Amino acid sequence: MSSTDLPTCINAKLKRYFKQLDGEQASGVHKMIINNVESIVIKFVLDFVKNNQSEASRILSINRGTLKKKIQRYKL
């Protein structure tokens, strides 16, 4: 894999995040990462299919109702 693959990018961002904490205690890291990544993936797929939610839900392998909730949650 290249140095710009997704796991490498996430690891670099996490290292930077923990370094910037400067002694503060970390919390909610999993939720923060999942929410950020999920919203990016959903937005990308929606753009790819020109906002066709049925096609986006098929590509993402999630229920269309679930997709609608996530679109609202992330204000996409």
PDB file of N, CA and C in Angstrom:
ATOM      1  N   MET A   1       0.840  -1.190   0.000  1.00  0.00           N
ATOM      2  CA  MET A   1       0.000   0.000   0.000  1.00  0.00           C
ATOM      3  C   MET A   1       0.880   1.246   0.000  1.00  0.00           C
ATOM      4  N   SER A   2       0.334   2.307  -0.562  1.00  0.00           N
ATOM      5  CA  SER A   2       1.091   3.546  -0.628  1.00  0.00           C
ATOM      6  C   SER A   2       1.051   4.274   0.712  1.00  0.00           C
ATOM      7  N   SER A   3       1.883   5.299   0.828  1.00  0.00           N
ATOM      8  CA  SER A   3       1.932   6.061   2.071  1.00  0.00           C
ATOM      9  C   SER A   3       0.686   6.928   2.263  1.00  0.00           C
ATOM     10  N   THR A   4      -0.180   6.971   1.265  1.00  0.00           N
ATOM     11  CA  THR A   4      -1.408   7.759   1.395  1.00  0.00           C
ATOM     12  C   THR A   4      -2.645   6.877   1.494  1.00  0.00           C
ATOM     13  N   ASP A   5      -2.464   5.595   1.822  1.00  0.00           N
ATOM     14  CA  ASP A   5      -3.637   4.744   1.974  1.00  0.00           C
ATOM     15  C   ASP A   5      -4.406   5.161   3.231  1.00  0.00           C
ATOM     16  N   LEU A   6      -5.650   4.750   3.305  1.00  0.00           N
ATOM     17  CA  LEU A   6      -6.532   5.185   4.383  1.00  0.00           C
ATOM     18  C   LEU A   6      -5.991   4.875   5.786  1.00  0.00           C
ATOM     19  N   PRO A   7      -5.546   3.644   6.072  1.00  0.00           N
ATOM     20  CA  PRO A   7      -5.023   3.378   7.419  1.00  0.00           C
ATOM     21  C   PRO A   7      -3.830   4.281   7.785  1.00  0.00           C
ATOM     22  N   THR A   8      -2.959   4.547   6.821  1.00  0.00           N
ATOM     23  CA  THR A   8      -1.807   5.408   7.083  1.00  0.00           C
ATOM     24  C   THR A   8      -2.268   6.829   7.395  1.00  0.00           C
ATOM     25  N   CYS A   9      -3.220   7.316   6.628  1.00  0.00           N
ATOM     26  CA  CYS A   9      -3.747   8.663   6.868  1.00  0.00           C
ATOM     27  C   CYS A   9      -4.418   8.767   8.238  1.00  0.00           C
ATOM     28  N   ILE A  10      -5.211   7.766   8.589  1.00  0.00           N
ATOM     29  CA  ILE A  10      -5.894   7.782   9.886  1.00  0.00           C
ATOM     30  C   ILE A  10      -4.880   7.720  11.019  1.00  0.00           C
ATOM     31  N   ASN A  11      -3.868   6.862  10.889  1.00  0.00           N
ATOM     32  CA  ASN A  11      -2.840   6.782  11.926  1.00  0.00           C
ATOM     33  C   ASN A  11      -2.128   8.106  12.103  1.00  0.00           C
ATOM     34  N   ALA A  12      -1.804   8.775  11.000  1.00  0.00           N
ATOM     35  CA  ALA A  12      -1.122  10.074  11.077  1.00  0.00           C
ATOM     36  C   ALA A  12      -2.004  11.101  11.779  1.00  0.00           C
ATOM     37  N   LYS A  13      -3.286  11.125  11.435  1.00  0.00           N
ATOM     38  CA  LYS A  13      -4.215  12.067  12.073  1.00  0.00           C
ATOM     39  C   LYS A  13      -4.372  11.775  13.566  1.00  0.00           C
ATOM     40  N   LEU A  14      -4.459  10.483  13.915  1.00  0.00           N
ATOM     41  CA  LEU A  14      -4.583  10.120  15.329  1.00  0.00           C
ATOM     42  C   LEU A  14      -3.337  10.517  16.116  1.00  0.00           C
ATOM     43  N   LYS A  15      -2.155  10.306  15.537  1.00  0.00           N
ATOM     44  CA  LYS A  15      -0.913  10.720  16.207  1.00  0.00           C
ATOM     45  C   LYS A  15      -0.926  12.216  16.464  1.00  0.00           C
ATOM     46  N   ARG A  16      -1.327  12.981  15.444  1.00  0.00           N
ATOM     47  CA  ARG A  16      -1.392  14.433  15.591  1.00  0.00           C
ATOM     48  C   ARG A  16      -2.412  14.822  16.656  1.00  0.00           C
ATOM     49  N   TYR A  17      -3.578  14.170  16.645  1.00  0.00           N
ATOM     50  CA  TYR A  17      -4.630  14.463  17.616  1.00  0.00           C
ATOM     51  C   TYR A  17      -4.126  14.239  19.046  1.00  0.00           C
ATOM     52  N   PHE A  18      -3.505  13.072  19.285  1.00  0.00           N
ATOM     53  CA  PHE A  18      -3.040  12.768  20.633  1.00  0.00           C
ATOM     54  C   PHE A  18      -1.891  13.677  21.046  1.00  0.00           C
ATOM     55  N   LYS A  19      -1.059  14.074  20.112  1.00  0.00           N
ATOM     56  CA  LYS A  19       0.034  15.004  20.427  1.00  0.00           C
ATOM     57  C   LYS A  19      -0.534  16.373  20.815  1.00  0.00           C
ATOM     58  N   GLN A  20      -1.572  16.803  20.110  1.00  0.00           N
ATOM     59  CA  GLN A  20      -2.165  18.107  20.379  1.00  0.00           C
ATOM     60  C   GLN A  20      -2.943  18.158  21.694  1.00  0.00           C
ATOM     61  N   LEU A  21      -3.245  16.996  22.259  1.00  0.00           N
ATOM     62  CA  LEU A  21      -3.944  16.976  23.544  1.00  0.00           C
ATOM     63  C   LEU A  21      -3.083  17.599  24.640  1.00  0.00           C
ATOM     64  N   ASP A  22      -1.777  17.507  24.482  1.00  0.00           N
ATOM     65  CA  ASP A  22      -0.835  18.146  25.409  1.00  0.00           C
ATOM     66  C   ASP A  22      -1.167  17.849  26.870  1.00  0.00           C
ATOM     67  N   GLY A  23      -1.319  16.572  27.176  1.00  0.00           N
ATOM     68  CA  GLY A  23      -1.555  16.157  28.553  1.00  0.00           C
ATOM     69  C   GLY A  23      -3.023  16.023  28.934  1.00  0.00           C
ATOM     70  N   GLU A  24      -3.918  16.567  28.137  1.00  0.00           N
ATOM     71  CA  GLU A  24      -5.349  16.419  28.416  1.00  0.00           C
ATOM     72  C   GLU A  24      -5.748  14.975  28.151  1.00  0.00           C
ATOM     73  N   GLN A  25      -6.784  14.516  28.831  1.00  0.00           N
ATOM     74  CA  GLN A  25      -7.240  13.142  28.660  1.00  0.00           C
ATOM     75  C   GLN A  25      -8.135  13.030  27.425  1.00  0.00           C
ATOM     76  N   ALA A  26      -7.881  12.020  26.627  1.00  0.00           N
ATOM     77  CA  ALA A  26      -8.688  11.784  25.429  1.00  0.00           C
ATOM     78  C   ALA A  26      -9.989  11.086  25.813  1.00  0.00           C
ATOM     79  N   SER A  27     -11.049  11.388  25.069  1.00  0.00           N
ATOM     80  CA  SER A  27     -12.301  10.661  25.260  1.00  0.00           C
ATOM     81  C   SER A  27     -13.133  10.764  23.986  1.00  0.00           C
ATOM     82  N   GLY A  28     -13.949   9.767  23.745  1.00  0.00           N
ATOM     83  CA  GLY A  28     -14.835   9.775  22.597  1.00  0.00           C
ATOM     84  C   GLY A  28     -14.131   9.649  21.256  1.00  0.00           C
ATOM     85  N   VAL A  29     -12.926   9.087  21.255  1.00  0.00           N
ATOM     86  CA  VAL A  29     -12.133   9.015  20.031  1.00  0.00           C
ATOM     87  C   VAL A  29     -12.802   8.128  18.988  1.00  0.00           C
ATOM     88  N   HIS A  30     -13.305   6.988  19.388  1.00  0.00           N
ATOM     89  CA  HIS A  30     -13.943   6.072  18.447  1.00  0.00           C
ATOM     90  C   HIS A  30     -15.121   6.752  17.756  1.00  0.00           C
ATOM     91  N   LYS A  31     -16.003   7.353  18.525  1.00  0.00           N
ATOM     92  CA  LYS A  31     -17.179   8.025  17.964  1.00  0.00           C
ATOM     93  C   LYS A  31     -16.762   9.165  17.040  1.00  0.00           C
ATOM     94  N   MET A  32     -15.756   9.925  17.441  1.00  0.00           N
ATOM     95  CA  MET A  32     -15.272  11.037  16.628  1.00  0.00           C
ATOM     96  C   MET A  32     -14.782  10.538  15.271  1.00  0.00           C
ATOM     97  N   ILE A  33     -13.990   9.469  15.266  1.00  0.00           N
ATOM     98  CA  ILE A  33     -13.448   8.931  14.017  1.00  0.00           C
ATOM     99  C   ILE A  33     -14.559   8.356  13.149  1.00  0.00           C
ATOM    100  N   ILE A  34     -15.425   7.551  13.739  1.00  0.00           N
ATOM    101  CA  ILE A  34     -16.509   6.920  12.973  1.00  0.00           C
ATOM    102  C   ILE A  34     -17.409   7.981  12.344  1.00  0.00           C
ATOM    103  N   ASN A  35     -17.804   8.993  13.117  1.00  0.00           N
ATOM    104  CA  ASN A  35     -18.681  10.043  12.586  1.00  0.00           C
ATOM    105  C   ASN A  35     -18.020  10.796  11.439  1.00  0.00           C
ATOM    106  N   ASN A  36     -16.742  11.113  11.582  1.00  0.00           N
ATOM    107  CA  ASN A  36     -16.045  11.843  10.527  1.00  0.00           C
ATOM    108  C   ASN A  36     -15.902  11.006   9.268  1.00  0.00           C
ATOM    109  N   VAL A  37     -15.477   9.776   9.422  1.00  0.00           N
ATOM    110  CA  VAL A  37     -15.282   8.914   8.254  1.00  0.00           C
ATOM    111  C   VAL A  37     -16.621   8.589   7.598  1.00  0.00           C
ATOM    112  N   GLU A  38     -17.613   8.264   8.397  1.00  0.00           N
ATOM    113  CA  GLU A  38     -18.916   7.892   7.848  1.00  0.00           C
ATOM    114  C   GLU A  38     -19.517   9.039   7.037  1.00  0.00           C
ATOM    115  N   SER A  39     -19.445  10.242   7.551  1.00  0.00           N
ATOM    116  CA  SER A  39     -20.032  11.370   6.831  1.00  0.00           C
ATOM    117  C   SER A  39     -19.308  11.618   5.509  1.00  0.00           C
ATOM    118  N   ILE A  40     -18.006  11.452   5.485  1.00  0.00           N
ATOM    119  CA  ILE A  40     -17.231  11.639   4.251  1.00  0.00           C
ATOM    120  C   ILE A  40     -17.611  10.585   3.217  1.00  0.00           C
ATOM    121  N   VAL A  41     -17.714   9.333   3.652  1.00  0.00           N
ATOM    122  CA  VAL A  41     -18.060   8.238   2.736  1.00  0.00           C
ATOM    123  C   VAL A  41     -19.469   8.430   2.173  1.00  0.00           C
ATOM    124  N   ILE A  42     -20.413   8.765   3.033  1.00  0.00           N
ATOM    125  CA  ILE A  42     -21.787   8.960   2.574  1.00  0.00           C
ATOM    126  C   ILE A  42     -21.855  10.120   1.590  1.00  0.00           C
ATOM    127  N   LYS A  43     -21.214  11.229   1.900  1.00  0.00           N
ATOM    128  CA  LYS A  43     -21.213  12.390   0.998  1.00  0.00           C
ATOM    129  C   LYS A  43     -20.594  12.026  -0.348  1.00  0.00           C
ATOM    130  N   PHE A  44     -19.482  11.304  -0.325  1.00  0.00           N
ATOM    131  CA  PHE A  44     -18.824  10.901  -1.564  1.00  0.00           C
ATOM    132  C   PHE A  44     -19.754  10.054  -2.422  1.00  0.00           C
ATOM    133  N   VAL A  45     -20.382   9.049  -1.809  1.00  0.00           N
ATOM    134  CA  VAL A  45     -21.259   8.148  -2.558  1.00  0.00           C
ATOM    135  C   VAL A  45     -22.484   8.904  -3.081  1.00  0.00           C
ATOM    136  N   LEU A  46     -23.063   9.764  -2.268  1.00  0.00           N
ATOM    137  CA  LEU A  46     -24.202  10.560  -2.732  1.00  0.00           C
ATOM    138  C   LEU A  46     -23.828  11.422  -3.932  1.00  0.00           C
ATOM    139  N   ASP A  47     -22.666  12.045  -3.873  1.00  0.00           N
ATOM    140  CA  ASP A  47     -22.200  12.834  -5.015  1.00  0.00           C
ATOM    141  C   ASP A  47     -21.993  11.940  -6.239  1.00  0.00           C
ATOM    142  N   PHE A  48     -21.417  10.769  -6.018  1.00  0.00           N
ATOM    143  CA  PHE A  48     -21.130   9.827  -7.096  1.00  0.00           C
ATOM    144  C   PHE A  48     -22.390   9.406  -7.845  1.00  0.00           C
ATOM    145  N   VAL A  49     -23.479   9.219  -7.085  1.00  0.00           N
ATOM    146  CA  VAL A  49     -24.732   8.761  -7.692  1.00  0.00           C
ATOM    147  C   VAL A  49     -25.718   9.911  -7.907  1.00  0.00           C
ATOM    148  N   LYS A  50     -25.204  11.130  -7.861  1.00  0.00           N
ATOM    149  CA  LYS A  50     -26.023  12.333  -8.086  1.00  0.00           C
ATOM    150  C   LYS A  50     -27.243  12.363  -7.161  1.00  0.00           C
ATOM    151  N   ASN A  51     -26.989  12.074  -5.885  1.00  0.00           N
ATOM    152  CA  ASN A  51     -27.992  12.113  -4.807  1.00  0.00           C
ATOM    153  C   ASN A  51     -29.124  11.095  -4.946  1.00  0.00           C
ATOM    154  N   ASN A  52     -28.921  10.038  -5.702  1.00  0.00           N
ATOM    155  CA  ASN A  52     -29.905   8.966  -5.796  1.00  0.00           C
ATOM    156  C   ASN A  52     -29.776   8.110  -4.529  1.00  0.00           C
ATOM    157  N   GLN A  53     -30.671   8.334  -3.575  1.00  0.00           N
ATOM    158  CA  GLN A  53     -30.562   7.672  -2.277  1.00  0.00           C
ATOM    159  C   GLN A  53     -30.739   6.163  -2.358  1.00  0.00           C
ATOM    160  N   SER A  54     -31.560   5.699  -3.265  1.00  0.00           N
ATOM    161  CA  SER A  54     -31.735   4.248  -3.416  1.00  0.00           C
ATOM    162  C   SER A  54     -30.423   3.605  -3.868  1.00  0.00           C
ATOM    163  N   GLU A  55     -29.781   4.217  -4.845  1.00  0.00           N
ATOM    164  CA  GLU A  55     -28.507   3.690  -5.346  1.00  0.00           C
ATOM    165  C   GLU A  55     -27.408   3.831  -4.284  1.00  0.00           C
ATOM    166  N   ALA A  56     -27.402   4.947  -3.578  1.00  0.00           N
ATOM    167  CA  ALA A  56     -26.399   5.153  -2.527  1.00  0.00           C
ATOM    168  C   ALA A  56     -26.557   4.109  -1.424  1.00  0.00           C
ATOM    169  N   SER A  57     -27.794   3.844  -1.022  1.00  0.00           N
ATOM    170  CA  SER A  57     -28.008   2.847   0.039  1.00  0.00           C
ATOM    171  C   SER A  57     -27.592   1.461  -0.430  1.00  0.00           C
ATOM    172  N   ARG A  58     -27.798   1.165  -1.714  1.00  0.00           N
ATOM    173  CA  ARG A  58     -27.358  -0.120  -2.262  1.00  0.00           C
ATOM    174  C   ARG A  58     -25.837  -0.216  -2.223  1.00  0.00           C
ATOM    175  N   ILE A  59     -25.154   0.821  -2.682  1.00  0.00           N
ATOM    176  CA  ILE A  59     -23.685   0.822  -2.696  1.00  0.00           C
ATOM    177  C   ILE A  59     -23.123   0.713  -1.287  1.00  0.00           C
ATOM    178  N   LEU A  60     -23.741   1.442  -0.360  1.00  0.00           N
ATOM    179  CA  LEU A  60     -23.267   1.447   1.028  1.00  0.00           C
ATOM    180  C   LEU A  60     -23.727   0.211   1.816  1.00  0.00           C
ATOM    181  N   SER A  61     -24.637  -0.551   1.238  1.00  0.00           N
ATOM    182  CA  SER A  61     -25.223  -1.731   1.903  1.00  0.00           C
ATOM    183  C   SER A  61     -25.897  -1.365   3.218  1.00  0.00           C
ATOM    184  N   ILE A  62     -26.649  -0.271   3.168  1.00  0.00           N
ATOM    185  CA  ILE A  62     -27.457   0.109   4.326  1.00  0.00           C
ATOM    186  C   ILE A  62     -28.876   0.389   3.852  1.00  0.00           C
ATOM    187  N   ASN A  63     -29.813   0.242   4.753  1.00  0.00           N
ATOM    188  CA  ASN A  63     -31.224   0.491   4.487  1.00  0.00           C
ATOM    189  C   ASN A  63     -31.413   1.952   4.091  1.00  0.00           C
ATOM    190  N   ARG A  64     -32.331   2.215   3.167  1.00  0.00           N
ATOM    191  CA  ARG A  64     -32.567   3.585   2.702  1.00  0.00           C
ATOM    192  C   ARG A  64     -33.032   4.491   3.841  1.00  0.00           C
ATOM    193  N   GLY A  65     -33.819   3.953   4.751  1.00  0.00           N
ATOM    194  CA  GLY A  65     -34.249   4.726   5.924  1.00  0.00           C
ATOM    195  C   GLY A  65     -33.071   5.116   6.797  1.00  0.00           C
ATOM    196  N   THR A  66     -32.148   4.178   6.971  1.00  0.00           N
ATOM    197  CA  THR A  66     -30.937   4.453   7.749  1.00  0.00           C
ATOM    198  C   THR A  66     -30.117   5.533   7.059  1.00  0.00           C
ATOM    199  N   LEU A  67     -30.007   5.443   5.742  1.00  0.00           N
ATOM    200  CA  LEU A  67     -29.275   6.458   4.991  1.00  0.00           C
ATOM    201  C   LEU A  67     -29.904   7.826   5.191  1.00  0.00           C
ATOM    202  N   LYS A  68     -31.230   7.908   5.114  1.00  0.00           N
ATOM    203  CA  LYS A  68     -31.911   9.189   5.308  1.00  0.00           C
ATOM    204  C   LYS A  68     -31.599   9.776   6.690  1.00  0.00           C
ATOM    205  N   LYS A  69     -31.607   8.938   7.723  1.00  0.00           N
ATOM    206  CA  LYS A  69     -31.290   9.406   9.077  1.00  0.00           C
ATOM    207  C   LYS A  69     -29.867   9.935   9.154  1.00  0.00           C
ATOM    208  N   LYS A  70     -28.950   9.238   8.496  1.00  0.00           N
ATOM    209  CA  LYS A  70     -27.546   9.660   8.516  1.00  0.00           C
ATOM    210  C   LYS A  70     -27.351  10.964   7.726  1.00  0.00           C
ATOM    211  N   ILE A  71     -28.088  11.116   6.642  1.00  0.00           N
ATOM    212  CA  ILE A  71     -28.037  12.361   5.873  1.00  0.00           C
ATOM    213  C   ILE A  71     -28.490  13.529   6.751  1.00  0.00           C
ATOM    214  N   GLN A  72     -29.555  13.311   7.518  1.00  0.00           N
ATOM    215  CA  GLN A  72     -30.032  14.354   8.432  1.00  0.00           C
ATOM    216  C   GLN A  72     -29.027  14.612   9.549  1.00  0.00           C
ATOM    217  N   ARG A  73     -28.495  13.522  10.138  1.00  0.00           N
ATOM    218  CA  ARG A  73     -27.547  13.660  11.249  1.00  0.00           C
ATOM    219  C   ARG A  73     -26.328  14.467  10.846  1.00  0.00           C
ATOM    220  N   TYR A  74     -25.793  14.185   9.662  1.00  0.00           N
ATOM    221  CA  TYR A  74     -24.580  14.850   9.205  1.00  0.00           C
ATOM    222  C   TYR A  74     -24.858  16.103   8.372  1.00  0.00           C
ATOM    223  N   LYS A  75     -26.154  16.423   8.228  1.00  0.00           N
ATOM    224  CA  LYS A  75     -26.562  17.611   7.462  1.00  0.00           C
ATOM    225  C   LYS A  75     -25.956  17.615   6.060  1.00  0.00           C
ATOM    226  N   LEU A  76     -26.161  16.501   5.353  1.00  0.00           N
ATOM    227  CA  LEU A  76     -25.603  16.350   4.000  1.00  0.00           C
ATOM    228  C   LEU A  76     -26.587  16.800   2.944  1.00  0.00           C
TER     229      LEU A  76
END
